[in-house]
Protein backbone atom coordinates (compact mmCIF):
# COMPACT_ATOMS: atom_id res chain seq x y z
CA UNK A 1 2.32 -9.99 -10.88
CA UNK A 2 1.24 -6.62 -9.54
CA UNK A 3 0.78 -5.18 -13.05
CA UNK A 4 -1.22 -8.27 -14.16
CA UNK A 5 -3.62 -7.89 -11.25
CA UNK A 6 -3.91 -4.11 -11.77
CA UNK A 7 -4.97 -4.73 -15.42
CA UNK A 8 -7.66 -7.23 -14.28
CA UNK A 9 -8.75 -4.74 -11.61
CA UNK A 10 -9.03 -1.86 -14.13
CA UNK A 11 -10.92 -4.12 -16.57
CA UNK A 12 -13.42 -5.08 -13.75
CA UNK A 13 -13.91 -1.47 -12.74
CA UNK A 14 -14.67 -0.39 -16.39
CA UNK A 15 -16.99 -3.39 -16.84
CA UNK A 16 -18.85 -2.69 -13.61
CA UNK A 17 -19.44 0.91 -14.67
CA UNK A 18 -20.77 -0.18 -18.06
CA UNK A 19 -22.90 -2.91 -16.67
CA UNK A 20 -24.44 -0.60 -14.15
CA UNK A 21 -25.32 2.07 -16.77
CA UNK A 22 -26.75 -0.58 -19.08
CA UNK A 23 -29.19 -2.04 -16.51
CA UNK A 24 -32.69 -0.71 -16.37
CA UNK A 25 -34.20 0.75 -13.17
CA UNK A 26 -37.11 -0.82 -11.35
CA UNK A 27 -39.65 1.48 -12.77
CA UNK A 28 -38.61 1.00 -16.37
CA UNK A 29 -40.71 -2.10 -16.87
CA UNK A 30 -44.00 -0.05 -16.42
CA UNK A 31 -43.83 0.96 -20.04
CA UNK A 32 -43.63 -2.62 -21.11
CA UNK A 33 -46.84 -3.38 -19.16
CA UNK A 34 -48.92 -1.09 -21.35
CA UNK A 35 -48.50 -2.72 -24.77
CA UNK A 36 -44.84 -3.44 -25.52
CA UNK A 37 -44.57 -6.78 -23.88
CA UNK A 38 -42.15 -8.25 -26.40
CA UNK A 39 -39.50 -5.71 -25.49
CA UNK A 40 -37.48 -7.99 -23.29
CA UNK A 41 -37.78 -11.30 -25.02
CA UNK A 42 -34.06 -11.38 -26.09
CA UNK A 43 -33.03 -12.47 -22.64
CA UNK A 44 -36.07 -14.67 -21.93
CA UNK A 45 -39.39 -14.01 -20.19
CA UNK A 46 -37.73 -12.59 -17.00
CA UNK A 47 -35.91 -9.99 -19.16
CA UNK A 48 -32.24 -9.02 -18.86
CA UNK A 49 -32.38 -8.35 -15.24
CA UNK A 50 -31.27 -11.76 -13.97
CA UNK A 51 -28.58 -12.24 -16.54
CA UNK A 52 -27.07 -8.76 -16.06
CA UNK A 53 -27.25 -9.05 -12.26
CA UNK A 54 -25.33 -12.33 -12.36
CA UNK A 55 -22.67 -10.81 -14.56
CA UNK A 56 -22.53 -7.71 -12.34
CA UNK A 57 -22.14 -9.84 -9.27
CA UNK A 58 -19.26 -11.72 -10.95
CA UNK A 59 -17.48 -8.55 -11.70
CA UNK A 60 -18.07 -7.21 -8.24
CA UNK A 61 -16.32 -10.38 -6.83
CA UNK A 62 -13.42 -9.99 -9.26
CA UNK A 63 -13.14 -6.23 -8.41
CA UNK A 64 -13.08 -6.78 -4.57
CA UNK A 65 -10.72 -9.84 -4.79
CA UNK A 66 -8.22 -7.86 -6.91
CA UNK A 67 -8.56 -4.98 -4.57
CA UNK A 68 -7.58 -7.06 -1.63
CA UNK A 69 -4.68 -8.71 -3.62
CA UNK A 70 -3.32 -5.29 -4.68
CA UNK A 71 -3.44 -4.07 -1.05
CA UNK A 72 -1.61 -7.19 0.08
CA UNK A 73 1.11 -6.82 -2.60
CA UNK A 74 1.59 -3.18 -1.93
CA UNK A 75 1.90 -3.54 1.85
CA UNK A 76 4.32 -6.39 1.32
CA UNK A 77 6.46 -4.16 -0.97
CA UNK A 78 6.45 -1.35 1.65
CA UNK A 79 7.46 -3.64 4.37
CA UNK A 80 10.46 -5.03 2.27
CA UNK A 81 11.48 -1.39 1.40
CA UNK A 82 11.45 -0.41 5.13
CA UNK A 83 13.54 -3.45 6.00
CA UNK A 84 16.05 -2.55 3.35
CA UNK A 85 16.51 1.08 4.60
CA UNK A 86 16.70 0.24 8.39
CA UNK A 87 20.40 0.23 9.73
CA UNK A 88 21.83 -2.94 11.09
CA UNK A 89 21.44 -3.48 14.72
CA UNK A 90 24.48 -2.76 16.97
CA UNK A 91 26.06 -5.97 18.53
CA UNK A 92 25.11 -6.49 22.02
CA UNK A 93 28.06 -6.12 24.57
CA UNK A 94 29.44 -9.16 26.04
CA UNK A 95 28.12 -9.98 29.50
CA UNK A 96 31.53 -10.85 30.91
CA UNK A 97 33.42 -7.83 29.58
CA UNK A 98 34.47 -5.61 32.39
CA UNK A 99 35.34 -1.96 32.11
CA UNK A 100 38.73 -0.93 33.69
CA UNK A 101 38.36 0.69 37.04
CA UNK A 102 38.58 4.40 37.31
CA UNK A 103 40.86 5.80 40.01
CA UNK A 104 40.60 9.43 41.32
CA UNK A 105 44.11 10.05 40.03
CA UNK A 106 43.15 9.17 36.47
CA UNK A 107 40.49 12.04 36.31
CA UNK A 108 41.93 15.36 35.22
CA UNK A 109 41.21 18.27 37.60
CA UNK A 110 40.76 20.92 34.88
CA UNK A 111 40.28 20.85 31.14
CA UNK A 112 43.39 21.29 29.12
CA UNK A 113 44.05 24.73 27.78
CA UNK A 114 46.03 25.72 24.79
CA UNK A 115 49.11 27.80 25.26
CA UNK A 116 48.86 31.21 23.35
CA UNK A 117 52.77 31.10 22.74
CA UNK A 118 52.38 27.70 20.87
CA UNK A 119 49.65 29.17 18.58
CA UNK A 120 51.88 32.11 17.50
CA UNK A 121 54.97 29.85 17.05
CA UNK A 122 53.70 28.36 13.80
CA UNK A 123 52.77 31.69 12.16
CA UNK A 124 55.32 33.87 10.26
CA UNK A 125 54.79 37.53 9.54
């Protein structure tokens, strides 16, 4: 679906560029006023302006609608990729679970140290 919309989008973009380059500017009709009045009779008495304007507006609508559709599809794909990479949430602890009580006698007074004699016992020279 994304590739199909992208192809339509590219076609609309190229068509818009071509249509804008084909259209005449506002001052281009001044030459027709001085003797070449039949220069725009192919598209009617009003010239090609109204026809090309309608076609250009059509391609502008297609271009912007495909832009919005491509943006929506891309953001949807990014959200799905983010959800796939997120780790699963940890289960919540039970409300009625109680930790065992800690008494002062169960707390060690000093950190255990290793005996140097036991380290040398496993080594052979």
